[in-house]
């Protein structure tokens, strides 16, 4: 009976290596504190966290769980929505003082765009005023391309 109880307990308690991936900023700010609590709660589990601001192949890279921000392409993987993130267009006051005003999304095509490698290198789409079903797409040629949210924010704050 003791052996059966011991085996049942071992099967119910998580153990082994759990491999996760997430975007850098979300992983550092949101996921990392949760993983600290998880590791404390389940001492038989080791965690490998890969923070990457690019898509990865979960199967090829041996990832168990991925936190993704954005729309997922059709996939055979199981996805569970856990929240919403809103993207914004930002510029520093110093940049805005030196360049033409931005009154509508189409005006962005005349500006120095900092773009992220996986969030639209040469176009962005915006919801139309009045809630029309077809979004407004703005084409642009980026002046600066970065691969992390923090690099894009730093560029906007520095006046680019």
C-alpha atoms as a PDB file:
ATOM      1  CA  UNK A   1       0.000   0.000   0.000  1.00  0.00           C
ATOM      2  CA  UNK A   2       2.836   2.387   0.861  1.00  0.00           C
ATOM      3  CA  UNK A   3       4.504   1.690  -2.491  1.00  0.00           C
ATOM      4  CA  UNK A   4       1.239   2.360  -4.339  1.00  0.00           C
ATOM      5  CA  UNK A   5       0.811   5.663  -2.508  1.00  0.00           C
ATOM      6  CA  UNK A   6       4.408   6.645  -3.216  1.00  0.00           C
ATOM      7  CA  UNK A   7       4.051   5.840  -6.920  1.00  0.00           C
ATOM      8  CA  UNK A   8       0.721   7.693  -7.137  1.00  0.00           C
ATOM      9  CA  UNK A   9       2.297  10.756  -5.502  1.00  0.00           C
ATOM     10  CA  UNK A  10       5.292  10.674  -7.878  1.00  0.00           C
ATOM     11  CA  UNK A  11       2.979  10.529 -10.877  1.00  0.00           C
ATOM     12  CA  UNK A  12       0.910  13.489  -9.713  1.00  0.00           C
ATOM     13  CA  UNK A  13       3.811  15.795  -8.809  1.00  0.00           C
ATOM     14  CA  UNK A  14       5.445  17.550 -11.781  1.00  0.00           C
ATOM     15  CA  UNK A  15       9.109  16.766 -12.339  1.00  0.00           C
ATOM     16  CA  UNK A  16      11.688  17.029 -15.079  1.00  0.00           C
ATOM     17  CA  UNK A  17      12.655  19.829 -17.435  1.00  0.00           C
ATOM     18  CA  UNK A  18      10.074  22.363 -18.613  1.00  0.00           C
ATOM     19  CA  UNK A  19      11.188  24.449 -21.605  1.00  0.00           C
ATOM     20  CA  UNK A  20       9.406  27.735 -22.316  1.00  0.00           C
ATOM     21  CA  UNK A  21       9.842  30.580 -24.748  1.00  0.00           C
ATOM     22  CA  UNK A  22       8.476  34.106 -24.699  1.00  0.00           C
ATOM     23  CA  UNK A  23       9.247  37.532 -26.140  1.00  0.00           C
ATOM     24  CA  UNK A  24      12.026  39.258 -24.196  1.00  0.00           C
ATOM     25  CA  UNK A  25      10.035  42.031 -22.501  1.00  0.00           C
ATOM     26  CA  UNK A  26       7.020  39.840 -21.677  1.00  0.00           C
ATOM     27  CA  UNK A  27       9.273  37.070 -20.415  1.00  0.00           C
ATOM     28  CA  UNK A  28      11.275  39.372 -18.164  1.00  0.00           C
ATOM     29  CA  UNK A  29       8.370  41.425 -16.861  1.00  0.00           C
ATOM     30  CA  UNK A  30       5.503  38.920 -16.686  1.00  0.00           C
ATOM     31  CA  UNK A  31       6.663  35.349 -16.970  1.00  0.00           C
ATOM     32  CA  UNK A  32       9.855  35.398 -14.899  1.00  0.00           C
ATOM     33  CA  UNK A  33       8.165  36.228 -11.555  1.00  0.00           C
ATOM     34  CA  UNK A  34       5.587  33.474 -12.180  1.00  0.00           C
ATOM     35  CA  UNK A  35       8.343  30.979 -12.913  1.00  0.00           C
ATOM     36  CA  UNK A  36      10.137  31.865  -9.680  1.00  0.00           C
ATOM     37  CA  UNK A  37       6.957  30.932  -7.801  1.00  0.00           C
ATOM     38  CA  UNK A  38       6.502  27.778  -9.918  1.00  0.00           C
ATOM     39  CA  UNK A  39      10.045  26.572  -9.209  1.00  0.00           C
ATOM     40  CA  UNK A  40       9.583  27.155  -5.475  1.00  0.00           C
ATOM     41  CA  UNK A  41       6.298  25.221  -5.519  1.00  0.00           C
ATOM     42  CA  UNK A  42       7.620  22.291  -7.580  1.00  0.00           C
ATOM     43  CA  UNK A  43      11.224  21.557  -6.543  1.00  0.00           C
ATOM     44  CA  UNK A  44      11.496  18.520  -8.841  1.00  0.00           C
ATOM     45  CA  UNK A  45      11.029  20.712 -11.935  1.00  0.00           C
ATOM     46  CA  UNK A  46      13.855  22.527 -13.702  1.00  0.00           C
ATOM     47  CA  UNK A  47      12.952  25.364 -16.077  1.00  0.00           C
ATOM     48  CA  UNK A  48      14.698  26.522 -19.222  1.00  0.00           C
ATOM     49  CA  UNK A  49      13.370  29.897 -20.388  1.00  0.00           C
ATOM     50  CA  UNK A  50      14.327  31.151 -23.847  1.00  0.00           C
ATOM     51  CA  UNK A  51      13.531  34.833 -24.322  1.00  0.00           C
ATOM     52  CA  UNK A  52      13.436  35.577 -28.028  1.00  0.00           C
ATOM     53  CA  UNK A  53      11.796  38.340 -30.029  1.00  0.00           C
ATOM     54  CA  UNK A  54      11.392  36.107 -33.048  1.00  0.00           C
ATOM     55  CA  UNK A  55       9.190  33.151 -33.877  1.00  0.00           C
ATOM     56  CA  UNK A  56      10.675  29.744 -33.074  1.00  0.00           C
ATOM     57  CA  UNK A  57       9.691  26.276 -34.140  1.00  0.00           C
ATOM     58  CA  UNK A  58       8.361  24.730 -30.956  1.00  0.00           C
ATOM     59  CA  UNK A  59       8.836  21.184 -32.164  1.00  0.00           C
ATOM     60  CA  UNK A  60      12.284  21.642 -33.734  1.00  0.00           C
ATOM     61  CA  UNK A  61      13.638  23.489 -30.695  1.00  0.00           C
ATOM     62  CA  UNK A  62      12.060  21.249 -28.047  1.00  0.00           C
ATOM     63  CA  UNK A  63       9.794  23.913 -26.553  1.00  0.00           C
ATOM     64  CA  UNK A  64       6.996  22.718 -24.253  1.00  0.00           C
ATOM     65  CA  UNK A  65       5.169  26.028 -23.773  1.00  0.00           C
ATOM     66  CA  UNK A  66       5.326  29.325 -25.655  1.00  0.00           C
ATOM     67  CA  UNK A  67       3.943  32.721 -24.741  1.00  0.00           C
ATOM     68  CA  UNK A  68       3.047  34.453 -27.996  1.00  0.00           C
ATOM     69  CA  UNK A  69       1.885  38.005 -28.502  1.00  0.00           C
ATOM     70  CA  UNK A  70      -0.102  38.633 -31.655  1.00  0.00           C
ATOM     71  CA  UNK A  71      -2.222  36.648 -34.044  1.00  0.00           C
ATOM     72  CA  UNK A  72      -1.166  33.038 -34.524  1.00  0.00           C
ATOM     73  CA  UNK A  73      -1.075  31.524 -37.980  1.00  0.00           C
ATOM     74  CA  UNK A  74      -3.145  28.408 -38.546  1.00  0.00           C
ATOM     75  CA  UNK A  75      -1.481  25.641 -36.606  1.00  0.00           C
ATOM     76  CA  UNK A  76      -1.936  22.176 -35.241  1.00  0.00           C
ATOM     77  CA  UNK A  77      -0.641  23.438 -31.889  1.00  0.00           C
ATOM     78  CA  UNK A  78      -3.019  24.153 -29.009  1.00  0.00           C
ATOM     79  CA  UNK A  79      -3.386  27.854 -28.174  1.00  0.00           C
ATOM     80  CA  UNK A  80      -5.150  29.320 -25.148  1.00  0.00           C
ATOM     81  CA  UNK A  81      -5.703  33.104 -25.057  1.00  0.00           C
ATOM     82  CA  UNK A  82      -4.514  34.547 -21.740  1.00  0.00           C
ATOM     83  CA  UNK A  83      -4.856  38.274 -22.389  1.00  0.00           C
ATOM     84  CA  UNK A  84      -4.697  41.058 -24.909  1.00  0.00           C
ATOM     85  CA  UNK A  85      -1.913  43.397 -25.927  1.00  0.00           C
ATOM     86  CA  UNK A  86      -2.431  46.617 -27.819  1.00  0.00           C
ATOM     87  CA  UNK A  87       0.289  47.879 -30.130  1.00  0.00           C
ATOM     88  CA  UNK A  88       0.894  51.601 -30.262  1.00  0.00           C
ATOM     89  CA  UNK A  89       2.708  54.038 -32.524  1.00  0.00           C
ATOM     90  CA  UNK A  90       4.933  56.342 -30.498  1.00  0.00           C
ATOM     91  CA  UNK A  91       7.290  59.251 -31.143  1.00  0.00           C
ATOM     92  CA  UNK A  92       9.297  61.487 -28.868  1.00  0.00           C
ATOM     93  CA  UNK A  93       8.292  65.131 -28.432  1.00  0.00           C
ATOM     94  CA  UNK A  94      11.692  66.084 -29.892  1.00  0.00           C
ATOM     95  CA  UNK A  95      10.984  64.094 -33.078  1.00  0.00           C
ATOM     96  CA  UNK A  96       7.469  65.510 -33.420  1.00  0.00           C
ATOM     97  CA  UNK A  97       8.778  69.076 -33.039  1.00  0.00           C
ATOM     98  CA  UNK A  98      11.090  68.615 -36.051  1.00  0.00           C
ATOM     99  CA  UNK A  99       8.726  66.773 -38.417  1.00  0.00           C
ATOM    100  CA  UNK A 100       5.303  67.281 -40.034  1.00  0.00           C
ATOM    101  CA  UNK A 101       2.293  66.564 -37.812  1.00  0.00           C
ATOM    102  CA  UNK A 102       0.715  63.109 -37.831  1.00  0.00           C
ATOM    103  CA  UNK A 103      -3.021  63.611 -38.182  1.00  0.00           C
ATOM    104  CA  UNK A 104      -3.967  60.240 -39.628  1.00  0.00           C
ATOM    105  CA  UNK A 105      -2.218  56.884 -40.140  1.00  0.00           C
ATOM    106  CA  UNK A 106      -1.408  57.634 -43.808  1.00  0.00           C
ATOM    107  CA  UNK A 107       0.830  60.518 -42.605  1.00  0.00           C
ATOM    108  CA  UNK A 108       3.249  57.946 -41.175  1.00  0.00           C
ATOM    109  CA  UNK A 109       4.488  57.110 -44.687  1.00  0.00           C
ATOM    110  CA  UNK A 110       6.336  60.477 -44.682  1.00  0.00           C
ATOM    111  CA  UNK A 111       8.091  59.821 -41.378  1.00  0.00           C
ATOM    112  CA  UNK A 112      11.201  58.030 -40.139  1.00  0.00           C
ATOM    113  CA  UNK A 113       9.809  54.687 -38.997  1.00  0.00           C
ATOM    114  CA  UNK A 114      11.450  52.376 -36.496  1.00  0.00           C
ATOM    115  CA  UNK A 115      10.117  48.923 -37.272  1.00  0.00           C
ATOM    116  CA  UNK A 116      10.410  45.572 -35.540  1.00  0.00           C
ATOM    117  CA  UNK A 117      11.515  42.567 -37.552  1.00  0.00           C
ATOM    118  CA  UNK A 118       8.372  40.532 -36.813  1.00  0.00           C
ATOM    119  CA  UNK A 119       5.701  43.265 -36.590  1.00  0.00           C
ATOM    120  CA  UNK A 120       5.491  44.583 -40.119  1.00  0.00           C
ATOM    121  CA  UNK A 121       8.711  45.587 -41.818  1.00  0.00           C
ATOM    122  CA  UNK A 122       7.128  47.677 -44.535  1.00  0.00           C
ATOM    123  CA  UNK A 123       3.470  48.182 -43.618  1.00  0.00           C
ATOM    124  CA  UNK A 124       1.156  48.484 -40.645  1.00  0.00           C
ATOM    125  CA  UNK A 125      -2.611  48.127 -40.543  1.00  0.00           C
ATOM    126  CA  UNK A 126      -4.907  50.338 -38.493  1.00  0.00           C
ATOM    127  CA  UNK A 127      -8.610  50.055 -37.730  1.00  0.00           C
ATOM    128  CA  UNK A 128     -10.612  52.558 -39.708  1.00  0.00           C
ATOM    129  CA  UNK A 129     -12.607  55.349 -38.124  1.00  0.00           C
ATOM    130  CA  UNK A 130     -16.227  54.414 -37.585  1.00  0.00           C
ATOM    131  CA  UNK A 131     -15.453  50.727 -37.147  1.00  0.00           C
ATOM    132  CA  UNK A 132     -15.436  49.717 -40.834  1.00  0.00           C
ATOM    133  CA  UNK A 133     -14.433  46.104 -41.402  1.00  0.00           C
ATOM    134  CA  UNK A 134     -11.469  46.774 -43.715  1.00  0.00           C
ATOM    135  CA  UNK A 135      -8.372  48.090 -41.918  1.00  0.00           C
ATOM    136  CA  UNK A 136      -6.306  50.950 -43.327  1.00  0.00           C
ATOM    137  CA  UNK A 137      -2.858  49.740 -44.443  1.00  0.00           C
ATOM    138  CA  UNK A 138       0.053  52.184 -44.409  1.00  0.00           C
ATOM    139  CA  UNK A 139       3.100  51.344 -46.536  1.00  0.00           C
ATOM    140  CA  UNK A 140       6.487  52.730 -45.482  1.00  0.00           C
ATOM    141  CA  UNK A 141      10.233  52.272 -45.830  1.00  0.00           C
ATOM    142  CA  UNK A 142      11.683  51.936 -42.310  1.00  0.00           C
ATOM    143  CA  UNK A 143      14.775  53.952 -41.415  1.00  0.00           C
ATOM    144  CA  UNK A 144      15.705  51.658 -38.541  1.00  0.00           C
ATOM    145  CA  UNK A 145      14.819  48.006 -37.933  1.00  0.00           C
ATOM    146  CA  UNK A 146      15.173  46.411 -34.497  1.00  0.00           C
ATOM    147  CA  UNK A 147      14.313  42.997 -33.113  1.00  0.00           C
ATOM    148  CA  UNK A 148      13.164  43.832 -29.561  1.00  0.00           C
ATOM    149  CA  UNK A 149      10.490  45.982 -27.983  1.00  0.00           C
ATOM    150  CA  UNK A 150      13.027  47.623 -25.671  1.00  0.00           C
ATOM    151  CA  UNK A 151      15.208  48.694 -28.627  1.00  0.00           C
ATOM    152  CA  UNK A 152      12.188  50.184 -30.399  1.00  0.00           C
ATOM    153  CA  UNK A 153      11.126  52.088 -27.265  1.00  0.00           C
ATOM    154  CA  UNK A 154      14.672  53.374 -26.686  1.00  0.00           C
ATOM    155  CA  UNK A 155      14.785  54.639 -30.249  1.00  0.00           C
ATOM    156  CA  UNK A 156      11.461  56.474 -29.877  1.00  0.00           C
ATOM    157  CA  UNK A 157      12.503  58.004 -26.549  1.00  0.00           C
ATOM    158  CA  UNK A 158      15.828  59.149 -27.999  1.00  0.00           C
ATOM    159  CA  UNK A 159      14.036  61.182 -30.638  1.00  0.00           C
ATOM    160  CA  UNK A 160      13.913  58.908 -33.657  1.00  0.00           C
END
